[in-house]
Amino acid sequence: PASRYSEVDKHLIPQRHAPVEGTPF
């Protein structure tokens, strides 16, 4: 039950919180 997830960089470090809507997340 989450409407946002954390997008990561190439080292898997969160960069920003993004909407899950319309994504595989």
PDB file of all heavy atoms in Angstrom:
ATOM      1  N   PRO A   1       0.827  -1.211   0.000  1.00  0.00           N
ATOM      2  CA  PRO A   1       0.000   0.000   0.000  1.00  0.00           C
ATOM      3  C   PRO A   1       0.862   1.262   0.000  1.00  0.00           C
ATOM      4  O   PRO A   1       0.991   1.967   0.995  1.00  0.00           O
ATOM      5  CB  PRO A   1      -0.815  -0.132   1.289  1.00  0.00           C
ATOM      6  CG  PRO A   1       0.063  -0.927   2.199  1.00  0.00           C
ATOM      7  CD  PRO A   1       0.824  -1.879   1.318  1.00  0.00           C
ATOM      8  N   ALA A   2       1.456   1.541  -1.146  1.00  0.00           N
ATOM      9  CA  ALA A   2       2.359   2.683  -1.283  1.00  0.00           C
ATOM     10  C   ALA A   2       2.109   3.353  -2.625  1.00  0.00           C
ATOM     11  O   ALA A   2       2.161   2.691  -3.674  1.00  0.00           O
ATOM     12  CB  ALA A   2       3.816   2.235  -1.185  1.00  0.00           C
ATOM     13  N   SER A   3       1.875   4.641  -2.605  1.00  0.00           N
ATOM     14  CA  SER A   3       1.658   5.379  -3.850  1.00  0.00           C
ATOM     15  C   SER A   3       2.950   5.987  -4.388  1.00  0.00           C
ATOM     16  O   SER A   3       2.964   6.543  -5.477  1.00  0.00           O
ATOM     17  CB  SER A   3       0.626   6.487  -3.631  1.00  0.00           C
ATOM     18  OG  SER A   3       0.996   7.321  -2.552  1.00  0.00           O
ATOM     19  N   ARG A   4       4.042   5.861  -3.621  1.00  0.00           N
ATOM     20  CA  ARG A   4       5.343   6.359  -4.072  1.00  0.00           C
ATOM     21  C   ARG A   4       6.433   5.352  -3.736  1.00  0.00           C
ATOM     22  O   ARG A   4       6.337   4.603  -2.759  1.00  0.00           O
ATOM     23  CB  ARG A   4       5.675   7.707  -3.431  1.00  0.00           C
ATOM     24  CG  ARG A   4       4.765   8.853  -3.876  1.00  0.00           C
ATOM     25  CD  ARG A   4       5.197  10.166  -3.221  1.00  0.00           C
ATOM     26  NE  ARG A   4       5.108  10.096  -1.763  1.00  0.00           N
ATOM     27  CZ  ARG A   4       5.759  10.898  -0.933  1.00  0.00           C
ATOM     28  NH1 ARG A   4       6.569  11.839  -1.413  1.00  0.00           N
ATOM     29  NH2 ARG A   4       5.607  10.788   0.369  1.00  0.00           N
ATOM     30  N   TYR A   5       7.472   5.359  -4.546  1.00  0.00           N
ATOM     31  CA  TYR A   5       8.657   4.543  -4.287  1.00  0.00           C
ATOM     32  C   TYR A   5       9.890   5.399  -4.536  1.00  0.00           C
ATOM     33  O   TYR A   5       9.804   6.510  -5.081  1.00  0.00           O
ATOM     34  CB  TYR A   5       8.662   3.293  -5.168  1.00  0.00           C
ATOM     35  CG  TYR A   5       9.090   3.518  -6.608  1.00  0.00           C
ATOM     36  CD1 TYR A   5      10.339   3.104  -7.052  1.00  0.00           C
ATOM     37  CD2 TYR A   5       8.243   4.156  -7.527  1.00  0.00           C
ATOM     38  CE1 TYR A   5      10.734   3.307  -8.376  1.00  0.00           C
ATOM     39  CE2 TYR A   5       8.627   4.351  -8.842  1.00  0.00           C
ATOM     40  CZ  TYR A   5       9.877   3.921  -9.257  1.00  0.00           C
ATOM     41  OH  TYR A   5      10.270   4.122 -10.561  1.00  0.00           O
ATOM     42  N   SER A   6      11.052   4.891  -4.153  1.00  0.00           N
ATOM     43  CA  SER A   6      12.294   5.659  -4.293  1.00  0.00           C
ATOM     44  C   SER A   6      13.060   5.211  -5.530  1.00  0.00           C
ATOM     45  O   SER A   6      13.506   4.059  -5.608  1.00  0.00           O
ATOM     46  CB  SER A   6      13.175   5.480  -3.045  1.00  0.00           C
ATOM     47  OG  SER A   6      12.485   5.865  -1.881  1.00  0.00           O
ATOM     48  N   GLU A   7      13.193   6.110  -6.500  1.00  0.00           N
ATOM     49  CA  GLU A   7      14.023   5.822  -7.660  1.00  0.00           C
ATOM     50  C   GLU A   7      15.488   5.835  -7.245  1.00  0.00           C
ATOM     51  O   GLU A   7      15.904   6.653  -6.417  1.00  0.00           O
ATOM     52  CB  GLU A   7      13.786   6.862  -8.757  1.00  0.00           C
ATOM     53  CG  GLU A   7      12.414   6.754  -9.397  1.00  0.00           C
ATOM     54  CD  GLU A   7      12.253   7.709 -10.561  1.00  0.00           C
ATOM     55  OE1 GLU A   7      12.979   8.732 -10.591  1.00  0.00           O
ATOM     56  OE2 GLU A   7      11.407   7.434 -11.432  1.00  0.00           O
ATOM     57  N   VAL A   8      16.290   4.930  -7.827  1.00  0.00           N
ATOM     58  CA  VAL A   8      17.685   4.780  -7.417  1.00  0.00           C
ATOM     59  C   VAL A   8      18.640   5.098  -8.564  1.00  0.00           C
ATOM     60  O   VAL A   8      18.276   5.027  -9.747  1.00  0.00           O
ATOM     61  CB  VAL A   8      17.954   3.355  -6.896  1.00  0.00           C
ATOM     62  CG1 VAL A   8      17.117   3.081  -5.648  1.00  0.00           C
ATOM     63  CG2 VAL A   8      17.677   2.300  -7.972  1.00  0.00           C
ATOM     64  N   ASP A   9      19.885   5.424  -8.182  1.00  0.00           N
ATOM     65  CA  ASP A   9      20.930   5.637  -9.183  1.00  0.00           C
ATOM     66  C   ASP A   9      21.630   4.312  -9.475  1.00  0.00           C
ATOM     67  O   ASP A   9      21.184   3.245  -9.030  1.00  0.00           O
ATOM     68  CB  ASP A   9      21.904   6.725  -8.723  1.00  0.00           C
ATOM     69  CG  ASP A   9      22.721   6.333  -7.493  1.00  0.00           C
ATOM     70  OD1 ASP A   9      22.699   5.143  -7.081  1.00  0.00           O
ATOM     71  OD2 ASP A   9      23.396   7.221  -6.925  1.00  0.00           O
ATOM     72  N   LYS A  10      22.748   4.370 -10.186  1.00  0.00           N
ATOM     73  CA  LYS A  10      23.430   3.140 -10.583  1.00  0.00           C
ATOM     74  C   LYS A  10      24.002   2.373  -9.406  1.00  0.00           C
ATOM     75  O   LYS A  10      24.298   1.174  -9.511  1.00  0.00           O
ATOM     76  CB  LYS A  10      24.537   3.451 -11.596  1.00  0.00           C
ATOM     77  CG  LYS A  10      25.682   4.300 -11.040  1.00  0.00           C
ATOM     78  CD  LYS A  10      26.734   4.545 -12.109  1.00  0.00           C
ATOM     79  CE  LYS A  10      27.909   5.366 -11.559  1.00  0.00           C
ATOM     80  NZ  LYS A  10      28.938   5.606 -12.594  1.00  0.00           N
ATOM     81  N   HIS A  11      24.165   3.047  -8.260  1.00  0.00           N
ATOM     82  CA  HIS A  11      24.642   2.381  -7.042  1.00  0.00           C
ATOM     83  C   HIS A  11      23.495   1.993  -6.125  1.00  0.00           C
ATOM     84  O   HIS A  11      23.721   1.622  -4.970  1.00  0.00           O
ATOM     85  CB  HIS A  11      25.616   3.287  -6.292  1.00  0.00           C
ATOM     86  CG  HIS A  11      26.860   3.617  -7.078  1.00  0.00           C
ATOM     87  ND1 HIS A  11      27.746   2.650  -7.519  1.00  0.00           N
ATOM     88  CD2 HIS A  11      27.364   4.817  -7.493  1.00  0.00           C
ATOM     89  CE1 HIS A  11      28.736   3.235  -8.169  1.00  0.00           C
ATOM     90  NE2 HIS A  11      28.532   4.537  -8.175  1.00  0.00           N
ATOM     91  N   LEU A  12      22.259   2.095  -6.625  1.00  0.00           N
ATOM     92  CA  LEU A  12      21.035   1.748  -5.895  1.00  0.00           C
ATOM     93  C   LEU A  12      20.795   2.658  -4.692  1.00  0.00           C
ATOM     94  O   LEU A  12      20.175   2.257  -3.697  1.00  0.00           O
ATOM     95  CB  LEU A  12      21.052   0.275  -5.463  1.00  0.00           C
ATOM     96  CG  LEU A  12      21.234  -0.746  -6.605  1.00  0.00           C
ATOM     97  CD1 LEU A  12      21.080  -2.167  -6.079  1.00  0.00           C
ATOM     98  CD2 LEU A  12      20.255  -0.488  -7.743  1.00  0.00           C
ATOM     99  N   ILE A  13      21.226   3.903  -4.810  1.00  0.00           N
ATOM    100  CA  ILE A  13      20.981   4.919  -3.793  1.00  0.00           C
ATOM    101  C   ILE A  13      19.750   5.733  -4.199  1.00  0.00           C
ATOM    102  O   ILE A  13      19.674   6.225  -5.329  1.00  0.00           O
ATOM    103  CB  ILE A  13      22.200   5.859  -3.645  1.00  0.00           C
ATOM    104  CG1 ILE A  13      23.425   5.062  -3.181  1.00  0.00           C
ATOM    105  CG2 ILE A  13      21.891   6.987  -2.672  1.00  0.00           C
ATOM    106  CD1 ILE A  13      23.295   4.439  -1.812  1.00  0.00           C
ATOM    107  N   PRO A  14      18.754   5.889  -3.309  1.00  0.00           N
ATOM    108  CA  PRO A  14      17.576   6.683  -3.661  1.00  0.00           C
ATOM    109  C   PRO A  14      17.934   8.110  -4.052  1.00  0.00           C
ATOM    110  O   PRO A  14      18.757   8.758  -3.398  1.00  0.00           O
ATOM    111  CB  PRO A  14      16.752   6.670  -2.370  1.00  0.00           C
ATOM    112  CG  PRO A  14      17.166   5.433  -1.661  1.00  0.00           C
ATOM    113  CD  PRO A  14      18.634   5.285  -1.969  1.00  0.00           C
ATOM    114  N   GLN A  15      17.311   8.580  -5.136  1.00  0.00           N
ATOM    115  CA  GLN A  15      17.525   9.937  -5.616  1.00  0.00           C
ATOM    116  C   GLN A  15      16.298  10.813  -5.407  1.00  0.00           C
ATOM    117  O   GLN A  15      16.411  11.991  -5.098  1.00  0.00           O
ATOM    118  CB  GLN A  15      17.876   9.905  -7.105  1.00  0.00           C
ATOM    119  CG  GLN A  15      19.156   9.153  -7.404  1.00  0.00           C
ATOM    120  CD  GLN A  15      20.362   9.760  -6.709  1.00  0.00           C
ATOM    121  OE1 GLN A  15      20.767  10.881  -7.016  1.00  0.00           O
ATOM    122  NE2 GLN A  15      20.938   9.040  -5.752  1.00  0.00           N
ATOM    123  N   ARG A  16      15.125  10.240  -5.606  1.00  0.00           N
ATOM    124  CA  ARG A  16      13.884  10.982  -5.404  1.00  0.00           C
ATOM    125  C   ARG A  16      12.747   9.992  -5.229  1.00  0.00           C
ATOM    126  O   ARG A  16      12.858   8.817  -5.599  1.00  0.00           O
ATOM    127  CB  ARG A  16      13.595  11.915  -6.582  1.00  0.00           C
ATOM    128  CG  ARG A  16      13.191  11.211  -7.859  1.00  0.00           C
ATOM    129  CD  ARG A  16      12.968  12.165  -9.015  1.00  0.00           C
ATOM    130  NE  ARG A  16      12.381  11.499 -10.181  1.00  0.00           N
ATOM    131  CZ  ARG A  16      11.097  11.539 -10.492  1.00  0.00           C
ATOM    132  NH1 ARG A  16      10.243  12.216  -9.734  1.00  0.00           N
ATOM    133  NH2 ARG A  16      10.632  10.911 -11.566  1.00  0.00           N
ATOM    134  N   HIS A  17      11.646  10.472  -4.652  1.00  0.00           N
ATOM    135  CA  HIS A  17      10.453   9.655  -4.510  1.00  0.00           C
ATOM    136  C   HIS A  17       9.535   9.928  -5.696  1.00  0.00           C
ATOM    137  O   HIS A  17       9.234  11.082  -6.012  1.00  0.00           O
ATOM    138  CB  HIS A  17       9.728   9.985  -3.202  1.00  0.00           C
ATOM    139  CG  HIS A  17      10.587   9.822  -1.985  1.00  0.00           C
ATOM    140  ND1 HIS A  17      11.488   8.783  -1.844  1.00  0.00           N
ATOM    141  CD2 HIS A  17      10.684  10.546  -0.837  1.00  0.00           C
ATOM    142  CE1 HIS A  17      12.096   8.881  -0.672  1.00  0.00           C
ATOM    143  NE2 HIS A  17      11.625   9.945  -0.052  1.00  0.00           N
ATOM    144  N   ALA A  18       9.113   8.850  -6.355  1.00  0.00           N
ATOM    145  CA  ALA A  18       8.321   8.981  -7.583  1.00  0.00           C
ATOM    146  C   ALA A  18       6.990   8.242  -7.440  1.00  0.00           C
ATOM    147  O   ALA A  18       6.886   7.264  -6.691  1.00  0.00           O
ATOM    148  CB  ALA A  18       9.103   8.412  -8.765  1.00  0.00           C
ATOM    149  N   PRO A  19       5.961   8.670  -8.175  1.00  0.00           N
ATOM    150  CA  PRO A  19       4.677   7.971  -8.127  1.00  0.00           C
ATOM    151  C   PRO A  19       4.791   6.566  -8.724  1.00  0.00           C
ATOM    152  O   PRO A  19       5.501   6.357  -9.712  1.00  0.00           O
ATOM    153  CB  PRO A  19       3.756   8.847  -8.974  1.00  0.00           C
ATOM    154  CG  PRO A  19       4.447  10.172  -9.089  1.00  0.00           C
ATOM    155  CD  PRO A  19       5.915   9.879  -9.025  1.00  0.00           C
ATOM    156  N   VAL A  20       4.075   5.615  -8.134  1.00  0.00           N
ATOM    157  CA  VAL A  20       4.046   4.261  -8.687  1.00  0.00           C
ATOM    158  C   VAL A  20       3.046   4.152  -9.831  1.00  0.00           C
ATOM    159  O   VAL A  20       3.114   3.209 -10.629  1.00  0.00           O
ATOM    160  CB  VAL A  20       3.697   3.221  -7.604  1.00  0.00           C
ATOM    161  CG1 VAL A  20       4.715   3.253  -6.470  1.00  0.00           C
ATOM    162  CG2 VAL A  20       2.277   3.425  -7.067  1.00  0.00           C
ATOM    163  N   GLU A  21       2.140   5.099  -9.922  1.00  0.00           N
ATOM    164  CA  GLU A  21       1.080   5.070 -10.931  1.00  0.00           C
ATOM    165  C   GLU A  21       1.672   4.884 -12.330  1.00  0.00           C
ATOM    166  O   GLU A  21       2.578   5.601 -12.754  1.00  0.00           O
ATOM    167  CB  GLU A  21       0.288   6.384 -10.887  1.00  0.00           C
ATOM    168  CG  GLU A  21      -0.859   6.456 -11.881  1.00  0.00           C
ATOM    169  CD  GLU A  21      -2.041   5.622 -11.459  1.00  0.00           C
ATOM    170  OE1 GLU A  21      -2.291   5.512 -10.238  1.00  0.00           O
ATOM    171  OE2 GLU A  21      -2.726   5.084 -12.348  1.00  0.00           O
ATOM    172  N   GLY A  22       1.179   3.858 -13.044  1.00  0.00           N
ATOM    173  CA  GLY A  22       1.607   3.616 -14.410  1.00  0.00           C
ATOM    174  C   GLY A  22       2.968   2.973 -14.547  1.00  0.00           C
ATOM    175  O   GLY A  22       3.519   2.930 -15.657  1.00  0.00           O
ATOM    176  N   THR A  23       3.532   2.455 -13.462  1.00  0.00           N
ATOM    177  CA  THR A  23       4.857   1.827 -13.493  1.00  0.00           C
ATOM    178  C   THR A  23       4.767   0.387 -12.987  1.00  0.00           C
ATOM    179  O   THR A  23       3.761  -0.005 -12.376  1.00  0.00           O
ATOM    180  CB  THR A  23       5.862   2.589 -12.608  1.00  0.00           C
ATOM    181  OG1 THR A  23       5.620   2.253 -11.225  1.00  0.00           O
ATOM    182  CG2 THR A  23       5.755   4.095 -12.806  1.00  0.00           C
ATOM    183  N   PRO A  24       5.821  -0.410 -13.190  1.00  0.00           N
ATOM    184  CA  PRO A  24       5.848  -1.774 -12.631  1.00  0.00           C
ATOM    185  C   PRO A  24       5.926  -1.790 -11.104  1.00  0.00           C
ATOM    186  O   PRO A  24       5.910  -2.877 -10.511  1.00  0.00           O
ATOM    187  CB  PRO A  24       7.114  -2.380 -13.251  1.00  0.00           C
ATOM    188  CG  PRO A  24       7.420  -1.549 -14.437  1.00  0.00           C
ATOM    189  CD  PRO A  24       6.971  -0.170 -14.088  1.00  0.00           C
ATOM    190  N   PHE A  25       5.977  -0.616 -10.481  1.00  0.00           N
ATOM    191  CA  PHE A  25       6.108  -0.530  -9.026  1.00  0.00           C
ATOM    192  C   PHE A  25       4.760  -0.295  -8.337  1.00  0.00           C
ATOM    193  O   PHE A  25       4.723  -0.079  -7.123  1.00  0.00           O
ATOM    194  CB  PHE A  25       7.106   0.575  -8.668  1.00  0.00           C
ATOM    195  CG  PHE A  25       8.494   0.289  -9.162  1.00  0.00           C
ATOM    196  CD1 PHE A  25       8.871   0.657 -10.451  1.00  0.00           C
ATOM    197  CD2 PHE A  25       9.405  -0.380  -8.374  1.00  0.00           C
ATOM    198  CE1 PHE A  25      10.143   0.369 -10.929  1.00  0.00           C
ATOM    199  CE2 PHE A  25      10.674  -0.677  -8.847  1.00  0.00           C
ATOM    200  CZ  PHE A  25      11.044  -0.302 -10.120  1.00  0.00           C
TER     201      PHE A  25
END
